[in-house]
Amino acid sequence: MITFEAFKAMDIRIATILVCEDHPDADKLYVLKVDTGDQKKTLVAGVKQYYKKEELINKKVVILNNLEPATIRGVRSEGMVLAAKDGGNLTIVVPEKEIKTGSYVS
């Protein structure tokens, strides 16, 4: 359980994937360049076995924007793409309707 205050501290927003590249040192990871509405960021995402690169480019996704940066196999990741997993299936969380990049999720 987290407090409502802790939830309010999370910056969850809509981002657009601009670039999707293979991670140079990992078979299951992509390196994504995303637009968060006010800046461009690099995110490392473990979705390679579920999505082709061309499926992700220009896709609007939900991200945790203020996650503490981490270096994942030599690449700095500045946030997290949100996804749901059910057994062997994984799907990236996307907005249901068209919405502006940078919109906040509440």
Foldseek 3Di string as FASTA:
>chain_A
DDDPVVVVPWFKFKKFWAFWACDPPDDQWIWTWIGQPPDIFIAIARCRVPDDRVVRHRAIAIWRQCDPWDQDPNRIHRTGFDWDDDVPDIDTHGDPDDDDRNGTDD
